Every structure is written in structure tokens, then in C-alpha cells.
PDB file of N, CA and C in Angstrom:
ATOM      1  N   MET A   1     -40.991 -19.317  34.614  1.00  0.00           N
ATOM      2  CA  MET A   1     -39.820 -18.649  34.072  1.00  0.00           C
ATOM      3  C   MET A   1     -38.974 -19.664  33.325  1.00  0.00           C
ATOM      4  N   VAL A   2     -38.513 -19.271  32.179  1.00  0.00           N
ATOM      5  CA  VAL A   2     -37.725 -20.159  31.341  1.00  0.00           C
ATOM      6  C   VAL A   2     -36.254 -19.899  31.623  1.00  0.00           C
ATOM      7  N   THR A   3     -35.521 -20.949  31.905  1.00  0.00           N
ATOM      8  CA  THR A   3     -34.083 -20.807  32.115  1.00  0.00           C
ATOM      9  C   THR A   3     -33.362 -21.310  30.876  1.00  0.00           C
ATOM     10  N   PHE A   4     -32.330 -20.592  30.521  1.00  0.00           N
ATOM     11  CA  PHE A   4     -31.561 -20.966  29.343  1.00  0.00           C
ATOM     12  C   PHE A   4     -30.274 -21.624  29.765  1.00  0.00           C
ATOM     13  N   ARG A   5     -29.939 -22.650  29.022  1.00  0.00           N
ATOM     14  CA  ARG A   5     -28.693 -23.336  29.297  1.00  0.00           C
ATOM     15  C   ARG A   5     -27.530 -22.501  28.799  1.00  0.00           C
ATOM     16  N   ASN A   6     -26.443 -22.556  29.498  1.00  0.00           N
ATOM     17  CA  ASN A   6     -25.245 -21.839  29.077  1.00  0.00           C
ATOM     18  C   ASN A   6     -24.542 -22.663  28.002  1.00  0.00           C
ATOM     19  N   ASN A   7     -24.583 -22.184  26.788  1.00  0.00           N
ATOM     20  CA  ASN A   7     -23.986 -22.904  25.662  1.00  0.00           C
ATOM     21  C   ASN A   7     -22.612 -22.362  25.283  1.00  0.00           C
ATOM     22  N   ASN A   8     -22.004 -21.573  26.141  1.00  0.00           N
ATOM     23  CA  ASN A   8     -20.714 -20.991  25.799  1.00  0.00           C
ATOM     24  C   ASN A   8     -19.653 -22.048  25.543  1.00  0.00           C
ATOM     25  N   ASN A   9     -19.650 -23.096  26.370  1.00  0.00           N
ATOM     26  CA  ASN A   9     -18.634 -24.140  26.189  1.00  0.00           C
ATOM     27  C   ASN A   9     -18.814 -24.865  24.859  1.00  0.00           C
ATOM     28  N   LEU A  10     -20.060 -25.104  24.487  1.00  0.00           N
ATOM     29  CA  LEU A  10     -20.296 -25.781  23.214  1.00  0.00           C
ATOM     30  C   LEU A  10     -19.852 -24.907  22.051  1.00  0.00           C
ATOM     31  N   ARG A  11     -20.177 -23.637  22.113  1.00  0.00           N
ATOM     32  CA  ARG A  11     -19.777 -22.738  21.035  1.00  0.00           C
ATOM     33  C   ARG A  11     -18.265 -22.629  20.950  1.00  0.00           C
ATOM     34  N   ARG A  12     -17.623 -22.515  22.089  1.00  0.00           N
ATOM     35  CA  ARG A  12     -16.172 -22.387  22.085  1.00  0.00           C
ATOM     36  C   ARG A  12     -15.539 -23.641  21.509  1.00  0.00           C
ATOM     37  N   ASN A  13     -16.055 -24.805  21.863  1.00  0.00           N
ATOM     38  CA  ASN A  13     -15.489 -26.039  21.340  1.00  0.00           C
ATOM     39  C   ASN A  13     -15.705 -26.163  19.841  1.00  0.00           C
ATOM     40  N   ASN A  14     -16.850 -25.696  19.366  1.00  0.00           N
ATOM     41  CA  ASN A  14     -17.086 -25.750  17.924  1.00  0.00           C
ATOM     42  C   ASN A  14     -16.186 -24.764  17.195  1.00  0.00           C
ATOM     43  N   PHE A  15     -15.949 -23.646  17.800  1.00  0.00           N
ATOM     44  CA  PHE A  15     -15.156 -22.616  17.144  1.00  0.00           C
ATOM     45  C   PHE A  15     -13.675 -22.976  17.124  1.00  0.00           C
ATOM     46  N   ARG A  16     -13.192 -23.505  18.208  1.00  0.00           N
ATOM     47  CA  ARG A  16     -11.764 -23.821  18.321  1.00  0.00           C
ATOM     48  C   ARG A  16     -11.522 -25.314  18.193  1.00  0.00           C
ATOM     49  N   ARG A  17     -11.699 -25.810  17.034  1.00  0.00           N
ATOM     50  CA  ARG A  17     -11.452 -27.227  16.817  1.00  0.00           C
ATOM     51  C   ARG A  17      -9.955 -27.469  16.747  1.00  0.00           C
ATOM     52  N   SER A  18      -9.539 -28.588  17.295  1.00  0.00           N
ATOM     53  CA  SER A  18      -8.107 -28.891  17.294  1.00  0.00           C
ATOM     54  C   SER A  18      -7.688 -29.679  16.058  1.00  0.00           C
ATOM     55  N   ASP A  19      -8.644 -30.018  15.186  1.00  0.00           N
ATOM     56  CA  ASP A  19      -8.286 -30.822  14.029  1.00  0.00           C
ATOM     57  C   ASP A  19      -7.865 -29.981  12.831  1.00  0.00           C
ATOM     58  N   ARG A  20      -7.697 -28.688  13.016  1.00  0.00           N
ATOM     59  CA  ARG A  20      -7.230 -27.840  11.920  1.00  0.00           C
ATOM     60  C   ARG A  20      -5.732 -28.043  11.723  1.00  0.00           C
ATOM     61  N   SER A  21      -5.362 -28.402  10.538  1.00  0.00           N
ATOM     62  CA  SER A  21      -3.959 -28.732  10.295  1.00  0.00           C
ATOM     63  C   SER A  21      -3.061 -27.507  10.376  1.00  0.00           C
ATOM     64  N   PHE A  22      -3.567 -26.347   9.950  1.00  0.00           N
ATOM     65  CA  PHE A  22      -2.687 -25.181   9.962  1.00  0.00           C
ATOM     66  C   PHE A  22      -2.454 -24.669  11.368  1.00  0.00           C
ATOM     67  N   LYS A  23      -3.337 -24.972  12.302  1.00  0.00           N
ATOM     68  CA  LYS A  23      -3.149 -24.533  13.675  1.00  0.00           C
ATOM     69  C   LYS A  23      -2.290 -25.520  14.467  1.00  0.00           C
ATOM     70  N   SER A  24      -2.486 -26.796  14.212  1.00  0.00           N
ATOM     71  CA  SER A  24      -1.855 -27.796  15.066  1.00  0.00           C
ATOM     72  C   SER A  24      -0.456 -28.188  14.598  1.00  0.00           C
ATOM     73  N   ASN A  25      -0.041 -27.740  13.444  1.00  0.00           N
ATOM     74  CA  ASN A  25       1.266 -28.122  12.932  1.00  0.00           C
ATOM     75  C   ASN A  25       2.332 -27.292  13.647  1.00  0.00           C
ATOM     76  N   GLY A  26       3.009 -27.882  14.589  1.00  0.00           N
ATOM     77  CA  GLY A  26       3.970 -27.162  15.415  1.00  0.00           C
ATOM     78  C   GLY A  26       5.351 -27.047  14.822  1.00  0.00           C
ATOM     79  N   ASP A  27       5.650 -27.828  13.775  1.00  0.00           N
ATOM     80  CA  ASP A  27       7.010 -27.784  13.244  1.00  0.00           C
ATOM     81  C   ASP A  27       7.216 -26.607  12.295  1.00  0.00           C
ATOM     82  N   ARG A  28       6.155 -25.918  11.878  1.00  0.00           N
ATOM     83  CA  ARG A  28       6.326 -24.757  11.027  1.00  0.00           C
ATOM     84  C   ARG A  28       6.430 -23.502  11.879  1.00  0.00           C
ATOM     85  N   SER A  29       7.356 -22.681  11.540  1.00  0.00           N
ATOM     86  CA  SER A  29       7.540 -21.442  12.275  1.00  0.00           C
ATOM     87  C   SER A  29       6.769 -20.325  11.594  1.00  0.00           C
ATOM     88  N   LYS A  30       6.244 -19.416  12.394  1.00  0.00           N
ATOM     89  CA  LYS A  30       5.527 -18.270  11.840  1.00  0.00           C
ATOM     90  C   LYS A  30       6.486 -17.401  11.033  1.00  0.00           C
ATOM     91  N   PHE A  31       7.723 -17.306  11.500  1.00  0.00           N
ATOM     92  CA  PHE A  31       8.715 -16.492  10.822  1.00  0.00           C
ATOM     93  C   PHE A  31       9.730 -17.398  10.154  1.00  0.00           C
ATOM     94  N   GLY A  32       9.313 -18.050   9.110  1.00  0.00           N
ATOM     95  CA  GLY A  32      10.181 -18.957   8.380  1.00  0.00           C
ATOM     96  C   GLY A  32      11.125 -18.189   7.485  1.00  0.00           C
ATOM     97  N   PRO A  33      11.875 -18.887   6.670  1.00  0.00           N
ATOM     98  CA  PRO A  33      12.866 -18.223   5.829  1.00  0.00           C
ATOM     99  C   PRO A  33      12.246 -17.242   4.830  1.00  0.00           C
ATOM    100  N   GLY A  34      10.989 -17.463   4.463  1.00  0.00           N
ATOM    101  CA  GLY A  34      10.344 -16.565   3.525  1.00  0.00           C
ATOM    102  C   GLY A  34       9.969 -15.229   4.140  1.00  0.00           C
ATOM    103  N   TYR A  35       9.808 -15.168   5.451  1.00  0.00           N
ATOM    104  CA  TYR A  35       9.341 -13.952   6.094  1.00  0.00           C
ATOM    105  C   TYR A  35      10.444 -13.173   6.790  1.00  0.00           C
ATOM    106  N   SER A  36      11.566 -13.792   7.054  1.00  0.00           N
ATOM    107  CA  SER A  36      12.586 -13.138   7.867  1.00  0.00           C
ATOM    108  C   SER A  36      13.443 -12.167   7.065  1.00  0.00           C
ATOM    109  N   SER A  37      13.483 -12.308   5.763  1.00  0.00           N
ATOM    110  CA  SER A  37      14.362 -11.478   4.950  1.00  0.00           C
ATOM    111  C   SER A  37      13.594 -10.302   4.379  1.00  0.00           C
ATOM    112  N   ASN A  38      14.009  -9.088   4.724  1.00  0.00           N
ATOM    113  CA  ASN A  38      13.385  -7.881   4.203  1.00  0.00           C
ATOM    114  C   ASN A  38      14.287  -7.184   3.194  1.00  0.00           C
ATOM    115  N   ASP A  39      15.286  -7.875   2.672  1.00  0.00           N
ATOM    116  CA  ASP A  39      16.291  -7.240   1.829  1.00  0.00           C
ATOM    117  C   ASP A  39      15.683  -6.619   0.574  1.00  0.00           C
ATOM    118  N   ASN A  40      14.813  -7.341  -0.095  1.00  0.00           N
ATOM    119  CA  ASN A  40      14.272  -6.871  -1.362  1.00  0.00           C
ATOM    120  C   ASN A  40      12.819  -6.436  -1.242  1.00  0.00           C
ATOM    121  N   PHE A  41      12.397  -6.065  -0.040  1.00  0.00           N
ATOM    122  CA  PHE A  41      11.004  -5.687   0.168  1.00  0.00           C
ATOM    123  C   PHE A  41      10.735  -4.334  -0.452  1.00  0.00           C
ATOM    124  N   GLN A  42       9.688  -4.262  -1.261  1.00  0.00           N
ATOM    125  CA  GLN A  42       9.272  -2.988  -1.836  1.00  0.00           C
ATOM    126  C   GLN A  42       7.766  -3.055  -2.039  1.00  0.00           C
ATOM    127  N   ARG A  43       7.063  -2.063  -1.508  1.00  0.00           N
ATOM    128  CA  ARG A  43       5.617  -2.042  -1.661  1.00  0.00           C
ATOM    129  C   ARG A  43       5.249  -1.689  -3.087  1.00  0.00           C
ATOM    130  N   LYS A  44       4.114  -2.218  -3.514  1.00  0.00           N
ATOM    131  CA  LYS A  44       3.634  -1.868  -4.847  1.00  0.00           C
ATOM    132  C   LYS A  44       3.262  -0.398  -4.896  1.00  0.00           C
ATOM    133  N   SER A  45       2.483   0.018  -3.938  1.00  0.00           N
ATOM    134  CA  SER A  45       2.147   1.436  -3.829  1.00  0.00           C
ATOM    135  C   SER A  45       2.213   1.803  -2.358  1.00  0.00           C
ATOM    136  N   PRO A  46       3.079   2.720  -1.996  1.00  0.00           N
ATOM    137  CA  PRO A  46       3.257   3.021  -0.575  1.00  0.00           C
ATOM    138  C   PRO A  46       2.047   3.702   0.023  1.00  0.00           C
ATOM    139  N   GLY A  47       1.255   2.971   0.742  1.00  0.00           N
ATOM    140  CA  GLY A  47       0.081   3.515   1.393  1.00  0.00           C
ATOM    141  C   GLY A  47      -1.167   3.341   0.559  1.00  0.00           C
ATOM    142  N   ARG A  48      -2.290   3.649   1.152  1.00  0.00           N
ATOM    143  CA  ARG A  48      -3.530   3.534   0.404  1.00  0.00           C
ATOM    144  C   ARG A  48      -3.924   4.900  -0.124  1.00  0.00           C
ATOM    145  N   ASN A  49      -4.905   4.903  -0.987  1.00  0.00           N
ATOM    146  CA  ASN A  49      -5.457   6.118  -1.587  1.00  0.00           C
ATOM    147  C   ASN A  49      -4.431   6.906  -2.395  1.00  0.00           C
ATOM    148  N   ASN A  50      -3.383   6.267  -2.842  1.00  0.00           N
ATOM    149  CA  ASN A  50      -2.386   7.004  -3.614  1.00  0.00           C
ATOM    150  C   ASN A  50      -2.895   7.349  -5.003  1.00  0.00           C
ATOM    151  N   HIS A  51      -3.881   6.617  -5.488  1.00  0.00           N
ATOM    152  CA  HIS A  51      -4.441   6.942  -6.785  1.00  0.00           C
ATOM    153  C   HIS A  51      -5.252   8.229  -6.725  1.00  0.00           C
ATOM    154  N   ASN A  52      -5.595   8.682  -5.522  1.00  0.00           N
ATOM    155  CA  ASN A  52      -6.346   9.914  -5.346  1.00  0.00           C
ATOM    156  C   ASN A  52      -5.471  11.029  -4.787  1.00  0.00           C
ATOM    157  N   ALA A  53      -4.181  10.968  -5.003  1.00  0.00           N
ATOM    158  CA  ALA A  53      -3.270  11.939  -4.393  1.00  0.00           C
ATOM    159  C   ALA A  53      -3.631  13.382  -4.732  1.00  0.00           C
ATOM    160  N   PRO A  54      -3.944  13.726  -5.983  1.00  0.00           N
ATOM    161  CA  PRO A  54      -4.305  15.126  -6.258  1.00  0.00           C
ATOM    162  C   PRO A  54      -5.547  15.579  -5.487  1.00  0.00           C
ATOM    163  N   LYS A  55      -6.523  14.686  -5.382  1.00  0.00           N
ATOM    164  CA  LYS A  55      -7.732  15.030  -4.630  1.00  0.00           C
ATOM    165  C   LYS A  55      -7.429  15.214  -3.149  1.00  0.00           C
ATOM    166  N   LEU A  56      -6.563  14.350  -2.628  1.00  0.00           N
ATOM    167  CA  LEU A  56      -6.221  14.446  -1.211  1.00  0.00           C
ATOM    168  C   LEU A  56      -5.389  15.692  -0.922  1.00  0.00           C
ATOM    169  N   ILE A  57      -4.536  16.083  -1.850  1.00  0.00           N
ATOM    170  CA  ILE A  57      -3.759  17.320  -1.677  1.00  0.00           C
ATOM    171  C   ILE A  57      -4.718  18.507  -1.586  1.00  0.00           C
ATOM    172  N   GLU A  58      -5.674  18.537  -2.504  1.00  0.00           N
ATOM    173  CA  GLU A  58      -6.658  19.625  -2.495  1.00  0.00           C
ATOM    174  C   GLU A  58      -7.491  19.606  -1.214  1.00  0.00           C
ATOM    175  N   LYS A  59      -7.886  18.422  -0.788  1.00  0.00           N
ATOM    176  CA  LYS A  59      -8.698  18.287   0.423  1.00  0.00           C
ATOM    177  C   LYS A  59      -7.958  18.835   1.642  1.00  0.00           C
ATOM    178  N   TYR A  60      -6.706  18.407   1.828  1.00  0.00           N
ATOM    179  CA  TYR A  60      -5.965  18.832   3.018  1.00  0.00           C
ATOM    180  C   TYR A  60      -5.571  20.304   2.953  1.00  0.00           C
ATOM    181  N   ASN A  61      -5.321  20.824   1.759  1.00  0.00           N
ATOM    182  CA  ASN A  61      -5.060  22.260   1.648  1.00  0.00           C
ATOM    183  C   ASN A  61      -6.296  23.070   2.019  1.00  0.00           C
ATOM    184  N   ASN A  62      -7.462  22.623   1.578  1.00  0.00           N
ATOM    185  CA  ASN A  62      -8.703  23.311   1.942  1.00  0.00           C
ATOM    186  C   ASN A  62      -8.956  23.235   3.442  1.00  0.00           C
ATOM    187  N   LEU A  63      -8.728  22.065   4.030  1.00  0.00           N
ATOM    188  CA  LEU A  63      -8.913  21.932   5.483  1.00  0.00           C
ATOM    189  C   LEU A  63      -7.935  22.812   6.246  1.00  0.00           C
ATOM    190  N   ALA A  64      -6.716  22.912   5.730  1.00  0.00           N
ATOM    191  CA  ALA A  64      -5.714  23.747   6.393  1.00  0.00           C
ATOM    192  C   ALA A  64      -6.113  25.218   6.325  1.00  0.00           C
ATOM    193  N   ARG A  65      -6.600  25.659   5.170  1.00  0.00           N
ATOM    194  CA  ARG A  65      -7.049  27.050   5.041  1.00  0.00           C
ATOM    195  C   ARG A  65      -8.227  27.331   5.962  1.00  0.00           C
ATOM    196  N   GLU A  66      -9.127  26.371   6.060  1.00  0.00           N
ATOM    197  CA  GLU A  66     -10.280  26.538   6.949  1.00  0.00           C
ATOM    198  C   GLU A  66      -9.837  26.620   8.405  1.00  0.00           C
ATOM    199  N   ALA A  67      -8.881  25.773   8.792  1.00  0.00           N
ATOM    200  CA  ALA A  67      -8.381  25.800  10.165  1.00  0.00           C
ATOM    201  C   ALA A  67      -7.668  27.119  10.447  1.00  0.00           C
ATOM    202  N   LEU A  68      -6.951  27.640   9.464  1.00  0.00           N
ATOM    203  CA  LEU A  68      -6.289  28.937   9.644  1.00  0.00           C
ATOM    204  C   LEU A  68      -7.312  30.063   9.815  1.00  0.00           C
ATOM    205  N   SER A  69      -8.399  29.979   9.065  1.00  0.00           N
ATOM    206  CA  SER A  69      -9.407  31.031   9.152  1.00  0.00           C
ATOM    207  C   SER A  69     -10.113  31.028  10.503  1.00  0.00           C
ATOM    208  N   THR A  70     -10.165  29.852  11.147  1.00  0.00           N
ATOM    209  CA  THR A  70     -10.764  29.781  12.489  1.00  0.00           C
ATOM    210  C   THR A  70      -9.736  30.070  13.574  1.00  0.00           C
ATOM    211  N   GLY A  71      -8.463  30.218  13.187  1.00  0.00           N
ATOM    212  CA  GLY A  71      -7.429  30.580  14.146  1.00  0.00           C
ATOM    213  C   GLY A  71      -6.683  29.407  14.756  1.00  0.00           C
ATOM    214  N   ASP A  72      -6.887  28.201  14.250  1.00  0.00           N
ATOM    215  CA  ASP A  72      -6.208  27.018  14.800  1.00  0.00           C
ATOM    216  C   ASP A  72      -4.955  26.748  13.971  1.00  0.00           C
ATOM    217  N   LYS A  73      -3.835  27.319  14.404  1.00  0.00           N
ATOM    218  CA  LYS A  73      -2.580  27.199  13.655  1.00  0.00           C
ATOM    219  C   LYS A  73      -2.020  25.786  13.694  1.00  0.00           C
ATOM    220  N   ILE A  74      -2.186  25.105  14.818  1.00  0.00           N
ATOM    221  CA  ILE A  74      -1.627  23.750  14.959  1.00  0.00           C
ATOM    222  C   ILE A  74      -2.351  22.782  14.035  1.00  0.00           C
ATOM    223  N   LEU A  75      -3.671  22.858  14.016  1.00  0.00           N
ATOM    224  CA  LEU A  75      -4.436  21.974  13.139  1.00  0.00           C
ATOM    225  C   LEU A  75      -4.146  22.282  11.673  1.00  0.00           C
ATOM    226  N   SER A  76      -4.008  23.559  11.351  1.00  0.00           N
ATOM    227  CA  SER A  76      -3.711  23.910   9.960  1.00  0.00           C
ATOM    228  C   SER A  76      -2.342  23.370   9.554  1.00  0.00           C
ATOM    229  N   GLU A  77      -1.360  23.445  10.450  1.00  0.00           N
ATOM    230  CA  GLU A  77      -0.035  22.901  10.143  1.00  0.00           C
ATOM    231  C   GLU A  77      -0.105  21.390   9.938  1.00  0.00           C
ATOM    232  N   ASN A  78      -0.931  20.735  10.732  1.00  0.00           N
ATOM    233  CA  ASN A  78      -1.129  19.295  10.579  1.00  0.00           C
ATOM    234  C   ASN A  78      -1.683  18.982   9.189  1.00  0.00           C
ATOM    235  N   TYR A  79      -2.697  19.734   8.774  1.00  0.00           N
ATOM    236  CA  TYR A  79      -3.272  19.510   7.450  1.00  0.00           C
ATOM    237  C   TYR A  79      -2.281  19.846   6.344  1.00  0.00           C
ATOM    238  N   PHE A  80      -1.483  20.902   6.531  1.00  0.00           N
ATOM    239  CA  PHE A  80      -0.468  21.227   5.528  1.00  0.00           C
ATOM    240  C   PHE A  80       0.568  20.110   5.413  1.00  0.00           C
ATOM    241  N   GLN A  81       0.898  19.478   6.521  1.00  0.00           N
ATOM    242  CA  GLN A  81       1.843  18.350   6.481  1.00  0.00           C
ATOM    243  C   GLN A  81       1.247  17.164   5.732  1.00  0.00           C
ATOM    244  N   HIS A  82      -0.057  16.939   5.934  1.00  0.00           N
ATOM    245  CA  HIS A  82      -0.710  15.871   5.174  1.00  0.00           C
ATOM    246  C   HIS A  82      -0.667  16.181   3.674  1.00  0.00           C
ATOM    247  N   ALA A  83      -0.963  17.415   3.323  1.00  0.00           N
ATOM    248  CA  ALA A  83      -0.933  17.805   1.911  1.00  0.00           C
ATOM    249  C   ALA A  83       0.474  17.642   1.345  1.00  0.00           C
ATOM    250  N   ASP A  84       1.484  18.010   2.109  1.00  0.00           N
ATOM    251  CA  ASP A  84       2.867  17.868   1.676  1.00  0.00           C
ATOM    252  C   ASP A  84       3.217  16.395   1.458  1.00  0.00           C
ATOM    253  N   HIS A  85       2.730  15.549   2.349  1.00  0.00           N
ATOM    254  CA  HIS A  85       2.968  14.112   2.223  1.00  0.00           C
ATOM    255  C   HIS A  85       2.433  13.592   0.893  1.00  0.00           C
ATOM    256  N   PHE A  86       1.190  13.951   0.566  1.00  0.00           N
ATOM    257  CA  PHE A  86       0.610  13.464  -0.678  1.00  0.00           C
ATOM    258  C   PHE A  86       1.226  14.146  -1.892  1.00  0.00           C
ATOM    259  N   THR A  87       1.742  15.358  -1.732  1.00  0.00           N
ATOM    260  CA  THR A  87       2.480  16.001  -2.819  1.00  0.00           C
ATOM    261  C   THR A  87       3.740  15.205  -3.137  1.00  0.00           C
ATOM    262  N   ARG A  88       4.421  14.744  -2.105  1.00  0.00           N
ATOM    263  CA  ARG A  88       5.623  13.928  -2.314  1.00  0.00           C
ATOM    264  C   ARG A  88       5.279  12.595  -2.959  1.00  0.00           C
ATOM    265  N   ILE A  89       4.172  11.991  -2.545  1.00  0.00           N
ATOM    266  CA  ILE A  89       3.747  10.725  -3.150  1.00  0.00           C
ATOM    267  C   ILE A  89       3.452  10.933  -4.628  1.00  0.00           C
ATOM    268  N   LEU A  90       2.752  12.020  -4.953  1.00  0.00           N
ATOM    269  CA  LEU A  90       2.435  12.313  -6.343  1.00  0.00           C
ATOM    270  C   LEU A  90       3.705  12.525  -7.159  1.00  0.00           C
ATOM    271  N   LYS A  91       4.672  13.209  -6.573  1.00  0.00           N
ATOM    272  CA  LYS A  91       5.949  13.438  -7.253  1.00  0.00           C
ATOM    273  C   LYS A  91       6.671  12.113  -7.509  1.00  0.00           C
ATOM    274  N   ASP A  92       6.674  11.227  -6.501  1.00  0.00           N
ATOM    275  CA  ASP A  92       7.300   9.915  -6.675  1.00  0.00           C
ATOM    276  C   ASP A  92       6.602   9.103  -7.761  1.00  0.00           C
ATOM    277  N   GLN A  93       5.267   9.194  -7.803  1.00  0.00           N
ATOM    278  CA  GLN A  93       4.531   8.471  -8.841  1.00  0.00           C
ATOM    279  C   GLN A  93       4.887   8.986 -10.226  1.00  0.00           C
ATOM    280  N   GLU A  94       5.007  10.297 -10.361  1.00  0.00           N
ATOM    281  CA  GLU A  94       5.357  10.864 -11.664  1.00  0.00           C
ATOM    282  C   GLU A  94       6.766  10.462 -12.081  1.00  0.00           C
ATOM    283  N   ILE A  95       7.691  10.436 -11.131  1.00  0.00           N
ATOM    284  CA  ILE A  95       9.065  10.018 -11.436  1.00  0.00           C
ATOM    285  C   ILE A  95       9.089   8.563 -11.874  1.00  0.00           C
ATOM    286  N   SER A  96       8.337   7.701 -11.183  1.00  0.00           N
ATOM    287  CA  SER A  96       8.328   6.284 -11.561  1.00  0.00           C
ATOM    288  C   SER A  96       7.670   6.086 -12.921  1.00  0.00           C
ATOM    289  N   ARG A  97       6.615   6.867 -13.211  1.00  0.00           N
ATOM    290  CA  ARG A  97       5.982   6.780 -14.531  1.00  0.00           C
ATOM    291  C   ARG A  97       6.948   7.204 -15.632  1.00  0.00           C
ATOM    292  N   LYS A  98       7.677   8.289 -15.378  1.00  0.00           N
ATOM    293  CA  LYS A  98       8.633   8.766 -16.378  1.00  0.00           C
ATOM    294  C   LYS A  98       9.746   7.749 -16.610  1.00  0.00           C
ATOM    295  N   SER A  99      10.246   7.156 -15.530  1.00  0.00           N
ATOM    296  CA  SER A  99      11.325   6.179 -15.685  1.00  0.00           C
ATOM    297  C   SER A  99      10.828   4.939 -16.422  1.00  0.00           C
ATOM    298  N   LYS A 100       9.589   4.505 -16.157  1.00  0.00           N
ATOM    299  CA  LYS A 100       9.038   3.364 -16.886  1.00  0.00           C
ATOM    300  C   LYS A 100       8.851   3.710 -18.360  1.00  0.00           C
ATOM    301  N   PHE A 101       8.373   4.920 -18.614  1.00  0.00           N
ATOM    302  CA  PHE A 101       8.165   5.364 -19.983  1.00  0.00           C
ATOM    303  C   PHE A 101       9.484   5.411 -20.742  1.00  0.00           C
ATOM    304  N   ILE A 102      10.512   5.959 -20.099  1.00  0.00           N
ATOM    305  CA  ILE A 102      11.828   6.054 -20.728  1.00  0.00           C
ATOM    306  C   ILE A 102      12.409   4.662 -20.973  1.00  0.00           C
ATOM    307  N   SER A 103      12.282   3.782 -19.984  1.00  0.00           N
ATOM    308  CA  SER A 103      12.833   2.432 -20.155  1.00  0.00           C
ATOM    309  C   SER A 103      12.074   1.673 -21.232  1.00  0.00           C
ATOM    310  N   ASN A 104      10.752   1.850 -21.298  1.00  0.00           N
ATOM    311  CA  ASN A 104       9.980   1.181 -22.347  1.00  0.00           C
ATOM    312  C   ASN A 104      10.369   1.708 -23.732  1.00  0.00           C
ATOM    313  N   ASN A 105      10.554   3.011 -23.854  1.00  0.00           N
ATOM    314  CA  ASN A 105      10.979   3.585 -25.136  1.00  0.00           C
ATOM    315  C   ASN A 105      12.376   3.122 -25.501  1.00  0.00           C
ATOM    316  N   HIS A 106      13.246   3.012 -24.508  1.00  0.00           N
ATOM    317  CA  HIS A 106      14.604   2.545 -24.755  1.00  0.00           C
ATOM    318  C   HIS A 106      14.584   1.108 -25.273  1.00  0.00           C
ATOM    319  N   ILE A 107      13.770   0.281 -24.679  1.00  0.00           N
ATOM    320  CA  ILE A 107      13.656  -1.122 -25.113  1.00  0.00           C
ATOM    321  C   ILE A 107      13.092  -1.183 -26.531  1.00  0.00           C
ATOM    322  N   LYS A 108      12.065  -0.357 -26.804  1.00  0.00           N
ATOM    323  CA  LYS A 108      11.482  -0.349 -28.143  1.00  0.00           C
ATOM    324  C   LYS A 108      12.498   0.133 -29.179  1.00  0.00           C
ATOM    325  N   ASN A 109      13.282   1.155 -28.819  1.00  0.00           N
ATOM    326  CA  ASN A 109      14.300   1.667 -29.743  1.00  0.00           C
ATOM    327  C   ASN A 109      15.363   0.623 -30.029  1.00  0.00           C
ATOM    328  N   GLU A 110      15.779  -0.101 -28.986  1.00  0.00           N
ATOM    329  CA  GLU A 110      16.784  -1.144 -29.187  1.00  0.00           C
ATOM    330  C   GLU A 110      16.247  -2.244 -30.081  1.00  0.00           C
ATOM    331  N   SER A 111      14.988  -2.634 -29.864  1.00  0.00           N
ATOM    332  CA  SER A 111      14.418  -3.709 -30.671  1.00  0.00           C
ATOM    333  C   SER A 111      14.225  -3.247 -32.117  1.00  0.00           C
ATOM    334  N   SER A 112      13.840  -1.980 -32.318  1.00  0.00           N
ATOM    335  CA  SER A 112      13.670  -1.491 -33.695  1.00  0.00           C
ATOM    336  C   SER A 112      15.024  -1.365 -34.390  1.00  0.00           C
ATOM    337  N   GLU A 113      16.073  -0.980 -33.651  1.00  0.00           N
ATOM    338  CA  GLU A 113      17.404  -0.898 -34.246  1.00  0.00           C
ATOM    339  C   GLU A 113      17.915  -2.288 -34.625  1.00  0.00           C
ATOM    340  N   SER A 114      17.643  -3.277 -33.781  1.00  0.00           N
ATOM    341  CA  SER A 114      18.073  -4.643 -34.097  1.00  0.00           C
ATOM    342  C   SER A 114      17.290  -5.164 -35.287  1.00  0.00           C
ATOM    343  N   ASP A 115      16.007  -4.774 -35.414  1.00  0.00           N
ATOM    344  CA  ASP A 115      15.221  -5.185 -36.589  1.00  0.00           C
ATOM    345  C   ASP A 115      15.776  -4.559 -37.846  1.00  0.00           C
ATOM    346  N   LYS A 116      16.196  -3.280 -37.769  1.00  0.00           N
ATOM    347  CA  LYS A 116      16.786  -2.616 -38.930  1.00  0.00           C
ATOM    348  C   LYS A 116      18.085  -3.282 -39.328  1.00  0.00           C
ATOM    349  N   ASN A 117      18.901  -3.624 -38.320  1.00  0.00           N
ATOM    350  CA  ASN A 117      20.190  -4.274 -38.613  1.00  0.00           C
ATOM    351  C   ASN A 117      19.957  -5.644 -39.221  1.00  0.00           C
ATOM    352  N   ASN A 118      18.965  -6.372 -38.752  1.00  0.00           N
ATOM    353  CA  ASN A 118      18.676  -7.695 -39.296  1.00  0.00           C
ATOM    354  C   ASN A 118      18.135  -7.594 -40.726  1.00  0.00           C
ATOM    355  N   SER A 119      17.350  -6.562 -41.005  1.00  0.00           N
ATOM    356  CA  SER A 119      16.793  -6.431 -42.359  1.00  0.00           C
ATOM    357  C   SER A 119      17.850  -5.965 -43.357  1.00  0.00           C
ATOM    358  N   GLU A 120      18.862  -5.215 -42.890  1.00  0.00           N
ATOM    359  CA  GLU A 120      19.941  -4.769 -43.767  1.00  0.00           C
ATOM    360  C   GLU A 120      20.884  -5.899 -44.106  1.00  0.00           C
ATOM    361  N   SER A 121      20.990  -6.895 -43.269  1.00  0.00           N
ATOM    362  CA  SER A 121      21.933  -7.993 -43.508  1.00  0.00           C
ATOM    363  C   SER A 121      21.501  -8.949 -44.563  1.00  0.00           C
TER     364      SER A 121
END
């Protein structure tokens, strides 16, 4: 019978080396000045799959209708809430697109007006 040596200690020592500078540096705090302030925090896109919001709205509405047809009112309400959530996300995305579009047009109009004023002078 072949007996195997227990190599757990060797593996653990290889895995947890103490010579890693980012682990052994005790003077740095995990929550330094860069992480403690949430004043200006804003996500790029709130949540994942937001680019598929119309598809997800349709998906959850279909699931809700299916749950209603089987008689599960609670599950259908859950799916309707999910659909409502993605409807709100889609609405927020459209509002942000419109505001960016308006601000970009405003900037272009100002620059074209300044070009006209400069050419008239």
C-alpha cells in the first residue's frame, strides 16, 4: 500500500508568502482618505444589464403574465415589480440621454455663435 505524505503545510506556506509587500505593509489603512468619502460617488450605470432594459422589461412582464395564468399572484407581483424597476431604469437612461443631447447642442450653439461674432468683427 502506498502512503501519501500530507503536503498541506507546504502548499499553505507557498500560497501565503509573507514577502508580499501589499499584504505586509501595516501602515496603510484599508479605508484611507480615498475610500472614506462618499460625497461625490455616482455609479456609471446603476446595476448590471441596464443596456438590456427593454428586453428585461418584456421578460419580466411575460413571466408575470405566466405566473398569473397559473394562479400565483405573489410571484406575478414580484415579476411586475422587477419589470417596473427596469422601466424606471430605462426612463432614467432616456432622461440622461436627453440632457446630454441638449447640453451638447447648447455647447455647439454657443461655439457657433461665438464663431459668427468673431467672423463679423
